[in-house]
Amino acid sequence: MKLSSKALLALAISSITATAFAETQSQDFVPTTLAGTSAQSEAKGFIDGASLGGTTRNWFSNENKFRGGKFSYEKHGETRTDAYRTNWVQGTILNGTSGFTQGTIGVSTEVAVYNALVLDRSKRDIKGGSNRTLADSNGDAVDQWSKLGLANVKFRASNTTLTAGRQNFSSGIVDTIGNRALPSSFEGISIDSQEFSNLSFQGGVFDRVSPRTEQSLSKFRSEYGNGQTTDKVKTLGFNYQPFKSLKTSVFAANVEDFWNQYYVGATHELGDSSVLGLTTGLNYYKTTDTGSKKMGKIDNDTYSLSLGLTHQAHSLTFAYQAINGDEYFDYLHETNGIYLANSLTSDFNGPNEKSFQIAYGLNMAEYGVPGLKFNAYSARGWGIDGTHYTGTAYGESGVRRSDLRLMDGETHQEYGVGASYAIQSGSLKATTIRGTYVTHRASENQADGNIREFRLVTTIPFNIL
């Protein structure tokens, strides 16, 4: 349930005159050659290449349920309910990274301390905690906590790096998610090979995740399932740019005893955004059950297609998405492994669901205010049908989501507006302020319910060394 910048293409239109000297996006073929330089040959050394810095993020959210929806919390042994929930957390990351040692094989280390300071500690406001505010077993906020968010060692030869330990990783199936005060990270081993000019390979084996709002490592579980866990996640794939205008990505993953999942993504650019540019985005996932089938039978084909026009400051995006399967299109919890165009506050990923989105973006740099951007969107999902679901992962008592078998022709709609500003110079350069407001309305058995949310997030980067 997140807004993925890799999935949502901000693309689009404004009428108006063309610029006489505009350059169109090249459609030339890009030959695959060996990389021109070796990153390891330019290593500065363990100390000389070191850096120390990080970010601090002020994360505020206020949610209000409507049409009878309620949040609940425990107080004096009694369950109480009301319609709102507020979370306010200051998250800070202090990251220290060494340079690579010189020689044929370089070695580097990375350590990042994550710290959270809870600014709203009201039990009634936080409603017993969530993946927003860490709470103890009594539902009281943990006022301040820290952990090692990253702790790894890297080995590099030429342009290929092996990383072992707690780390970030990014692909269409396993991807670090950073939409809270602190991001997630993964425990395991990964490889990143960039030996070719337009072709790179990534892979990894992970057995634990460090969640956004937890101090300890956890086993992986699915975003929509009933709490089943898996001991290992393996993934491998590549990014390839065959034309200057076309970027593609192919990944596969085995989530032990859950599923095998395959991802194909492509983005193509045509024209010139200063006159009129067209961007096409395709994301496709195939998911099938495997091993002991802890998530039950899975046979799911899911795709999204986005088309956008861009003219100078203005963008307009149209996105269609379809879920072909009697279960959710599911992905790993505490990851951003859903690059679908309509993954917003709702993922629009119910069984057999179809959805359509239209989005508008405005970049005020074209009007003399660089760093200031606005956006608005509307998305609608329909045809949600789980009546043919025969598994248990999404229908047992106590499951977080509604029973799929009750979903028969469900619909929902989401509206959102947002504004962001990035400071362009001075001591606070690259600081970003982002405000968003979203309303989600749903039919009786659609899982996400009726909710409004306002978020205000300020992120300040800093460098010490």
Protein backbone atom coordinates (compact mmCIF):
# COMPACT_ATOMS: atom_id res chain seq x y z
CA MET A 1 0.00 0.00 0.00
CA LYS A 2 2.39 2.56 -1.17
CA LEU A 3 3.00 4.98 -3.85
CA SER A 4 5.85 3.57 -5.97
CA SER A 5 7.72 6.17 -7.99
CA LYS A 6 9.11 3.33 -10.11
CA ALA A 7 5.62 2.14 -10.99
CA LEU A 8 3.69 5.40 -11.25
CA LEU A 9 5.02 7.31 -14.26
CA ALA A 10 4.36 11.02 -14.05
CA LEU A 11 3.92 11.70 -17.69
CA ALA A 12 1.86 14.14 -19.76
CA ILE A 13 0.22 17.00 -21.50
CA SER A 14 -0.34 20.67 -21.99
CA SER A 15 -1.43 22.31 -25.19
CA ILE A 16 0.75 24.90 -26.48
CA THR A 17 3.51 25.89 -28.81
CA ALA A 18 6.59 23.92 -29.59
CA THR A 19 10.14 25.02 -29.01
CA ALA A 20 12.00 25.56 -32.26
CA PHE A 21 15.22 23.84 -31.21
CA ALA A 22 13.71 20.91 -29.27
CA GLU A 23 15.51 17.57 -29.41
CA THR A 24 13.50 14.38 -29.61
CA GLN A 25 14.29 11.24 -27.63
CA SER A 26 16.77 9.14 -29.61
CA GLN A 27 15.55 5.72 -30.75
CA ASP A 28 19.07 4.52 -31.55
CA PHE A 29 20.16 0.96 -30.77
CA VAL A 30 22.66 0.71 -27.89
CA PRO A 31 25.33 -1.97 -28.50
CA THR A 32 26.45 -4.01 -25.49
CA THR A 33 30.12 -3.45 -24.73
CA LEU A 34 32.37 -3.89 -21.74
CA ALA A 35 32.20 -1.02 -19.27
CA GLY A 36 34.71 1.68 -20.17
CA THR A 37 36.23 1.90 -16.69
CA SER A 38 36.71 -0.33 -13.67
CA ALA A 39 35.26 1.06 -10.46
CA GLN A 40 37.74 -0.96 -8.41
CA SER A 41 40.74 0.46 -10.28
CA GLU A 42 39.64 3.91 -9.05
CA ALA A 43 39.32 2.88 -5.38
CA LYS A 44 40.57 5.59 -3.02
CA GLY A 45 41.31 3.33 -0.07
CA PHE A 46 39.56 2.26 3.11
CA ILE A 47 40.01 5.59 4.94
CA ASP A 48 40.36 8.09 2.09
CA GLY A 49 37.13 6.96 0.50
CA ALA A 50 35.13 6.96 3.75
CA SER A 51 32.00 9.04 4.34
CA LEU A 52 29.72 9.79 7.29
CA GLY A 53 26.28 11.31 6.91
CA GLY A 54 22.61 10.48 6.81
CA THR A 55 19.10 11.86 6.94
CA THR A 56 16.53 12.88 9.50
CA ARG A 57 12.83 12.62 8.66
CA ASN A 58 9.82 14.12 10.42
CA TRP A 59 6.87 11.86 9.55
CA PHE A 60 3.31 12.87 10.46
CA SER A 61 0.07 11.11 9.52
CA ASN A 62 -3.55 11.63 10.53
CA GLU A 63 -6.13 9.06 9.42
CA ASN A 64 -9.92 9.18 9.73
CA LYS A 65 -12.23 6.28 8.98
CA PHE A 66 -15.80 7.01 7.89
CA ARG A 67 -19.03 5.20 7.01
CA GLY A 68 -18.87 3.38 10.34
CA GLY A 69 -15.22 2.33 10.29
CA LYS A 70 -13.31 2.47 13.59
CA PHE A 71 -9.81 2.02 14.98
CA SER A 72 -9.53 0.19 18.31
CA TYR A 73 -7.17 0.25 21.28
CA GLU A 74 -7.01 -1.15 24.83
CA LYS A 75 -7.23 1.06 27.91
CA HIS A 76 -7.67 -0.16 31.51
CA GLY A 77 -8.47 -3.63 30.16
CA GLU A 78 -11.28 -2.28 28.00
CA THR A 79 -11.43 -2.13 24.19
CA ARG A 80 -12.21 1.36 23.01
CA THR A 81 -12.85 2.64 19.50
CA ASP A 82 -12.97 5.87 17.57
CA ALA A 83 -12.56 6.96 13.97
CA TYR A 84 -9.11 8.59 13.94
CA ARG A 85 -5.46 7.58 14.31
CA THR A 86 -2.44 9.89 14.49
CA ASN A 87 1.25 8.95 14.20
CA TRP A 88 4.15 11.41 14.50
CA VAL A 89 7.71 10.12 14.49
CA GLN A 90 11.17 11.58 13.93
CA GLY A 91 13.40 9.02 12.21
CA THR A 92 17.15 9.58 11.89
CA ILE A 93 19.75 7.55 9.98
CA LEU A 94 23.47 7.93 10.67
CA ASN A 95 25.41 6.10 7.95
CA GLY A 96 29.14 5.44 8.00
CA THR A 97 30.71 3.88 4.90
CA SER A 98 34.37 3.13 4.30
CA GLY A 99 36.04 3.37 0.93
CA PHE A 100 37.15 0.24 -0.93
CA THR A 101 40.67 -0.93 -0.29
CA GLN A 102 42.94 -0.81 -3.31
CA GLY A 103 44.02 -3.87 -5.27
CA THR A 104 42.37 -6.48 -7.46
CA ILE A 105 39.70 -7.18 -4.86
CA GLY A 106 38.56 -4.26 -2.73
CA VAL A 107 36.89 -4.49 0.67
CA SER A 108 34.50 -1.96 2.19
CA THR A 109 32.18 -1.84 5.19
CA GLU A 110 28.92 -0.03 5.86
CA VAL A 111 27.16 0.58 9.18
CA ALA A 112 23.99 2.62 9.64
CA VAL A 113 22.28 3.32 12.96
CA TYR A 114 18.53 3.92 12.76
CA ASN A 115 16.85 5.91 15.54
CA ALA A 116 13.17 6.71 16.09
CA LEU A 117 11.82 9.36 18.46
CA VAL A 118 8.05 9.25 18.94
CA LEU A 119 6.58 12.75 19.07
CA ASP A 120 2.93 11.74 19.64
CA ARG A 121 2.90 9.21 22.49
CA SER A 122 -0.83 9.18 23.22
CA LYS A 123 -2.15 5.64 23.43
CA ARG A 124 -5.46 6.85 22.07
CA ASP A 125 -3.80 8.58 19.11
CA ILE A 126 -1.52 5.75 17.98
CA LYS A 127 -4.19 3.08 18.58
CA GLY A 128 -1.86 0.47 20.00
CA GLY A 129 0.90 0.82 17.44
CA SER A 130 1.27 -0.35 13.86
CA ASN A 131 3.94 -0.23 11.17
CA ARG A 132 3.96 3.52 11.88
CA THR A 133 4.66 3.75 15.63
CA LEU A 134 6.36 1.01 17.65
CA ALA A 135 4.31 0.05 20.74
CA ASP A 136 4.85 -2.41 23.58
CA SER A 137 2.56 -5.31 24.49
CA ASN A 138 0.26 -2.94 26.41
CA GLY A 139 -0.17 -0.67 23.38
CA ASP A 140 1.97 2.14 24.80
CA ALA A 141 4.39 3.88 22.44
CA VAL A 142 8.07 3.01 22.77
CA ASP A 143 9.21 6.60 23.22
CA GLN A 144 12.65 6.20 21.64
CA TRP A 145 14.46 3.24 20.10
CA SER A 146 17.48 2.45 17.93
CA LYS A 147 18.84 -0.44 15.88
CA LEU A 148 21.46 -1.31 13.29
CA GLY A 149 19.57 -0.70 10.09
CA LEU A 150 22.57 -1.59 7.91
CA ALA A 151 25.68 -3.60 8.81
CA ASN A 152 27.55 -5.25 5.97
CA VAL A 153 30.85 -5.91 4.28
CA LYS A 154 31.40 -5.53 0.54
CA PHE A 155 33.91 -7.21 -1.78
CA ARG A 156 34.49 -5.71 -5.22
CA ALA A 157 36.36 -6.90 -8.28
CA SER A 158 36.25 -4.68 -11.36
CA ASN A 159 32.58 -3.55 -11.49
CA THR A 160 31.09 -6.48 -9.58
CA THR A 161 30.26 -6.16 -5.87
CA LEU A 162 29.33 -8.89 -3.38
CA THR A 163 27.57 -7.64 -0.22
CA ALA A 164 27.09 -9.75 2.91
CA GLY A 165 25.03 -8.68 5.92
CA ARG A 166 22.18 -6.25 6.52
CA GLN A 167 21.69 -4.19 3.38
CA ASN A 168 19.45 -2.39 0.91
CA PHE A 169 18.40 -4.17 -2.28
CA SER A 170 16.25 -3.03 -5.19
CA SER A 171 14.39 -5.05 -7.81
CA GLY A 172 10.82 -5.45 -9.06
CA ILE A 173 10.22 -8.28 -6.57
CA VAL A 174 12.45 -7.55 -3.55
CA ASP A 175 12.90 -3.84 -2.88
CA THR A 176 13.63 -1.76 0.22
CA ILE A 177 10.59 0.33 1.21
CA GLY A 178 11.05 3.80 2.65
CA ASN A 179 7.57 5.31 3.08
CA ARG A 180 7.71 5.62 6.89
CA ALA A 181 10.01 7.47 9.27
CA LEU A 182 12.63 4.73 8.71
CA PRO A 183 13.10 2.25 5.82
CA SER A 184 13.30 -1.53 5.80
CA SER A 185 16.44 -3.52 5.02
CA PHE A 186 17.34 -7.17 4.37
CA GLU A 187 19.72 -9.70 5.92
CA GLY A 188 21.60 -11.92 3.48
CA ILE A 189 24.02 -11.95 0.55
CA SER A 190 23.66 -10.12 -2.76
CA ILE A 191 25.62 -9.48 -5.92
CA ASP A 192 25.56 -6.50 -8.27
CA SER A 193 27.47 -6.83 -11.56
CA GLN A 194 27.84 -3.88 -13.94
CA GLU A 195 30.54 -5.18 -16.26
CA PHE A 196 28.69 -4.10 -19.41
CA SER A 197 27.73 -0.68 -20.70
CA ASN A 198 23.96 -1.23 -20.84
CA LEU A 199 23.43 -4.55 -19.06
CA SER A 200 23.63 -5.24 -15.32
CA PHE A 201 22.84 -8.27 -13.17
CA GLN A 202 21.54 -8.37 -9.60
CA GLY A 203 20.78 -11.27 -7.32
CA GLY A 204 20.41 -12.10 -3.65
CA VAL A 205 19.57 -14.67 -1.00
CA PHE A 206 17.87 -13.26 2.11
CA ASP A 207 16.53 -14.94 5.24
CA ARG A 208 15.40 -12.00 7.40
CA VAL A 209 13.95 -8.52 7.04
CA SER A 210 14.53 -5.53 9.33
CA PRO A 211 11.04 -3.92 9.37
CA ARG A 212 10.38 -0.18 9.19
CA THR A 213 8.96 -0.01 12.71
CA GLU A 214 10.52 -2.89 14.62
CA GLN A 215 13.79 -3.25 16.51
CA SER A 216 14.45 -6.92 15.74
CA LEU A 217 14.84 -8.95 12.57
CA SER A 218 11.79 -10.90 11.35
CA LYS A 219 11.11 -13.74 8.97
CA PHE A 220 9.55 -12.71 5.67
CA ARG A 221 5.79 -13.00 5.32
CA SER A 222 3.32 -11.95 2.65
CA GLU A 223 1.61 -8.55 2.64
CA TYR A 224 -1.93 -9.96 2.47
CA GLY A 225 -1.69 -13.43 4.02
CA ASN A 226 -2.60 -14.90 7.38
CA GLY A 227 0.81 -14.61 9.05
CA GLN A 228 2.64 -17.57 7.49
CA THR A 229 6.42 -17.04 7.38
CA THR A 230 9.17 -18.24 5.08
CA ASP A 231 12.81 -19.03 5.84
CA LYS A 232 14.41 -17.93 2.58
CA VAL A 233 13.96 -15.59 -0.38
CA LYS A 234 16.13 -16.01 -3.49
CA THR A 235 16.07 -13.62 -6.43
CA LEU A 236 18.03 -13.03 -9.64
CA GLY A 237 17.59 -10.79 -12.66
CA PHE A 238 18.95 -8.13 -14.98
CA ASN A 239 18.39 -4.60 -16.25
CA TYR A 240 18.97 -4.03 -19.96
CA GLN A 241 18.76 -0.92 -22.16
CA PRO A 242 18.67 -2.10 -25.81
CA PHE A 243 17.77 1.37 -27.14
CA LYS A 244 18.41 4.83 -25.78
CA SER A 245 14.64 5.18 -25.46
CA LEU A 246 13.89 1.75 -23.95
CA LYS A 247 14.77 0.37 -20.51
CA THR A 248 13.83 -3.15 -19.49
CA SER A 249 14.05 -5.25 -16.34
CA VAL A 250 13.56 -9.00 -15.80
CA PHE A 251 13.64 -10.70 -12.37
CA ALA A 252 12.63 -14.02 -10.85
CA ALA A 253 12.28 -14.98 -7.19
CA ASN A 254 11.68 -18.11 -5.17
CA VAL A 255 10.02 -17.48 -1.82
CA GLU A 256 10.49 -20.81 -0.07
CA ASP A 257 7.20 -22.72 0.38
CA PHE A 258 5.22 -19.65 -0.74
CA TRP A 259 5.57 -18.95 -4.44
CA ASN A 260 7.74 -18.52 -7.50
CA GLN A 261 7.35 -15.04 -8.93
CA TYR A 262 8.52 -13.58 -12.25
CA TYR A 263 8.64 -9.91 -13.19
CA VAL A 264 9.08 -8.10 -16.52
CA GLY A 265 9.14 -4.31 -16.72
CA ALA A 266 9.73 -1.90 -19.61
CA THR A 267 9.67 1.87 -20.07
CA HIS A 268 9.79 3.52 -23.50
CA GLU A 269 10.14 7.24 -24.22
CA LEU A 270 9.20 8.96 -27.46
CA GLY A 271 9.31 12.59 -28.53
CA ASP A 272 10.50 15.53 -26.47
CA SER A 273 8.84 16.72 -23.27
CA SER A 274 9.55 20.36 -24.11
CA VAL A 275 7.23 19.90 -27.10
CA LEU A 276 5.28 16.70 -26.58
CA GLY A 277 6.64 13.48 -25.12
CA LEU A 278 5.04 10.05 -24.82
CA THR A 279 6.11 7.55 -22.17
CA THR A 280 4.81 3.99 -22.09
CA GLY A 281 5.28 1.76 -19.06
CA LEU A 282 4.57 -1.97 -18.75
CA ASN A 283 4.81 -4.09 -15.60
CA TYR A 284 3.95 -7.81 -15.57
CA TYR A 285 4.04 -10.42 -12.77
CA LYS A 286 3.47 -14.16 -12.89
CA THR A 287 3.06 -15.92 -9.52
CA THR A 288 2.66 -19.66 -8.90
CA ASP A 289 2.70 -21.70 -5.69
CA THR A 290 5.71 -23.83 -4.75
CA GLY A 291 7.04 -26.23 -2.11
CA SER A 292 4.69 -26.96 0.79
CA LYS A 293 2.31 -24.24 -0.46
CA LYS A 294 1.94 -22.37 2.83
CA MET A 295 -0.05 -19.72 0.95
CA GLY A 296 -2.25 -22.33 -0.71
CA LYS A 297 -2.80 -22.65 -4.43
CA ILE A 298 -1.61 -19.64 -6.42
CA ASP A 299 -1.91 -19.06 -10.16
CA ASN A 300 -1.87 -15.33 -10.80
CA ASP A 301 -1.09 -13.16 -13.83
CA THR A 302 -1.02 -9.44 -13.15
CA TYR A 303 -0.06 -6.49 -15.31
CA SER A 304 -0.31 -2.72 -15.59
CA LEU A 305 0.06 -0.47 -18.61
CA SER A 306 0.59 3.28 -18.33
CA LEU A 307 0.54 5.87 -21.09
CA GLY A 308 1.51 9.46 -20.54
CA LEU A 309 1.96 12.72 -22.37
CA THR A 310 4.33 15.43 -21.20
CA HIS A 311 4.60 19.03 -22.28
CA GLN A 312 7.02 21.26 -20.39
CA ALA A 313 5.66 21.66 -16.85
CA HIS A 314 2.55 19.51 -17.33
CA SER A 315 2.04 15.77 -17.23
CA LEU A 316 -1.02 13.58 -17.63
CA THR A 317 -0.93 9.82 -17.03
CA PHE A 318 -3.45 7.09 -17.83
CA ALA A 319 -2.89 3.67 -16.23
CA TYR A 320 -4.83 0.41 -16.55
CA GLN A 321 -4.19 -2.58 -14.29
CA ALA A 322 -5.62 -6.11 -14.22
CA ILE A 323 -5.38 -9.00 -11.72
CA ASN A 324 -6.03 -12.38 -13.33
CA GLY A 325 -6.41 -14.87 -10.49
CA ASP A 326 -8.79 -15.89 -7.70
CA GLU A 327 -6.42 -14.59 -5.00
CA TYR A 328 -4.73 -11.27 -4.30
CA PHE A 329 -1.69 -10.29 -6.28
CA ASP A 330 0.52 -10.65 -3.21
CA TYR A 331 4.08 -9.61 -2.44
CA LEU A 332 6.49 -9.70 0.50
CA HIS A 333 5.62 -7.58 3.53
CA GLU A 334 8.13 -4.84 4.38
CA THR A 335 9.21 -4.64 0.74
CA ASN A 336 8.27 -2.40 -2.15
CA GLY A 337 8.04 -5.42 -4.44
CA ILE A 338 5.01 -4.15 -6.34
CA TYR A 339 5.89 -1.96 -9.33
CA LEU A 340 2.33 -1.85 -10.63
CA ALA A 341 1.11 1.52 -11.89
CA ASN A 342 -1.96 1.58 -9.65
CA SER A 343 -0.23 0.71 -6.39
CA LEU A 344 -1.31 3.75 -4.38
CA THR A 345 -2.75 3.92 -0.84
CA SER A 346 -4.70 0.90 -2.01
CA ASP A 347 -2.80 -1.57 -4.18
CA PHE A 348 -5.88 -2.24 -6.38
CA ASN A 349 -4.83 -5.90 -6.33
CA GLY A 350 -7.96 -7.82 -5.32
CA PRO A 351 -8.85 -11.12 -6.99
CA ASN A 352 -9.83 -10.56 -10.64
CA GLU A 353 -9.79 -6.79 -10.11
CA LYS A 354 -9.50 -4.26 -12.91
CA SER A 355 -8.54 -0.63 -12.23
CA PHE A 356 -7.94 2.62 -14.06
CA GLN A 357 -6.10 5.73 -12.94
CA ILE A 358 -5.69 9.23 -14.30
CA ALA A 359 -3.01 11.48 -12.79
CA TYR A 360 -1.86 15.04 -13.37
CA GLY A 361 1.48 16.56 -12.41
CA LEU A 362 2.78 20.13 -12.48
CA ASN A 363 6.48 21.03 -12.21
CA MET A 364 6.79 24.68 -11.21
CA ALA A 365 10.42 24.89 -12.33
CA GLU A 366 9.03 25.83 -15.72
CA TYR A 367 7.43 28.87 -14.06
CA GLY A 368 10.50 30.01 -12.16
CA VAL A 369 10.08 28.01 -8.92
CA PRO A 370 12.49 25.05 -9.18
CA GLY A 371 11.86 22.28 -6.68
CA LEU A 372 8.11 22.91 -6.31
CA LYS A 373 5.77 20.23 -7.69
CA PHE A 374 2.05 19.44 -7.48
CA ASN A 375 0.12 16.30 -8.35
CA ALA A 376 -3.45 15.00 -8.31
CA TYR A 377 -4.93 11.63 -9.23
CA SER A 378 -8.08 9.54 -9.24
CA ALA A 379 -8.19 5.75 -9.43
CA ARG A 380 -11.12 3.33 -9.57
CA GLY A 381 -11.17 -0.45 -9.12
CA TRP A 382 -14.03 -2.78 -10.07
CA GLY A 383 -14.97 -6.42 -10.62
CA ILE A 384 -13.31 -7.77 -7.46
CA ASP A 385 -14.43 -11.41 -7.28
CA GLY A 386 -13.08 -13.88 -4.73
CA THR A 387 -16.03 -16.23 -4.76
CA HIS A 388 -13.97 -18.92 -6.54
CA TYR A 389 -11.11 -18.80 -4.03
CA THR A 390 -10.53 -22.23 -2.44
CA GLY A 391 -7.40 -21.60 -0.37
CA THR A 392 -6.93 -20.66 3.28
CA ALA A 393 -4.27 -17.92 3.24
CA TYR A 394 -6.80 -15.12 2.70
CA GLY A 395 -9.86 -16.43 4.45
CA GLU A 396 -9.09 -17.89 7.86
CA SER A 397 -10.32 -16.40 11.11
CA GLY A 398 -8.08 -13.59 12.30
CA VAL A 399 -6.63 -12.76 8.88
CA ARG A 400 -5.78 -9.07 8.45
CA ARG A 401 -7.77 -8.73 5.24
CA SER A 402 -11.41 -9.45 4.54
CA ASP A 403 -12.36 -12.99 3.53
CA LEU A 404 -11.92 -13.21 -0.24
CA ARG A 405 -14.94 -15.46 -0.59
CA LEU A 406 -17.19 -12.57 0.48
CA MET A 407 -15.91 -10.37 -2.35
CA ASP A 408 -18.41 -10.47 -5.18
CA GLY A 409 -18.34 -7.53 -7.56
CA GLU A 410 -16.68 -5.19 -5.05
CA THR A 411 -15.60 -1.71 -6.11
CA HIS A 412 -13.56 1.15 -4.65
CA GLN A 413 -12.22 4.57 -5.58
CA GLU A 414 -9.26 6.67 -4.43
CA TYR A 415 -8.51 10.37 -4.84
CA GLY A 416 -5.31 12.11 -3.91
CA VAL A 417 -3.58 15.47 -4.10
CA GLY A 418 -0.04 16.36 -3.12
CA ALA A 419 2.61 19.06 -3.13
CA SER A 420 6.35 18.84 -2.58
CA TYR A 421 9.25 21.25 -2.41
CA ALA A 422 12.98 20.52 -2.56
CA ILE A 423 15.32 23.26 -1.35
CA GLN A 424 17.73 24.08 -4.16
CA SER A 425 20.70 25.68 -2.39
CA GLY A 426 22.26 26.64 0.92
CA SER A 427 22.92 24.59 4.04
CA LEU A 428 19.57 22.80 3.70
CA LYS A 429 20.01 21.93 0.01
CA ALA A 430 18.10 18.76 -1.03
CA THR A 431 15.76 18.99 1.98
CA THR A 432 12.30 17.93 0.84
CA ILE A 433 8.87 18.74 2.24
CA ARG A 434 5.95 16.66 1.02
CA GLY A 435 2.25 16.96 1.90
CA THR A 436 -0.44 14.57 0.63
CA TYR A 437 -4.15 14.11 1.18
CA VAL A 438 -5.95 10.92 0.13
CA THR A 439 -9.55 9.72 0.31
CA HIS A 440 -10.43 6.05 -0.26
CA ARG A 441 -14.05 4.86 -0.59
CA ALA A 442 -15.02 1.20 -0.80
CA SER A 443 -18.00 -1.11 -1.13
CA GLU A 444 -18.96 -3.30 1.84
CA ASN A 445 -16.48 -6.17 1.44
CA GLN A 446 -13.55 -4.45 -0.25
CA ALA A 447 -10.59 -4.88 2.12
CA ASP A 448 -9.20 -1.35 2.38
CA GLY A 449 -12.36 0.31 3.67
CA ASN A 450 -13.30 3.97 3.86
CA ILE A 451 -10.52 6.23 5.07
CA ARG A 452 -9.04 9.70 4.66
CA GLU A 453 -5.39 10.42 5.37
CA PHE A 454 -3.21 13.51 5.52
CA ARG A 455 0.60 13.13 5.60
CA LEU A 456 3.31 15.72 6.05
CA VAL A 457 6.88 14.46 5.65
CA THR A 458 10.06 16.52 5.88
CA THR A 459 13.39 14.87 5.04
CA ILE A 460 16.72 16.59 5.73
CA PRO A 461 19.99 15.05 4.47
CA PHE A 462 23.28 15.88 6.22
CA ASN A 463 26.98 15.19 5.73
CA ILE A 464 29.56 15.01 8.52
CA LEU A 465 32.54 13.69 6.55
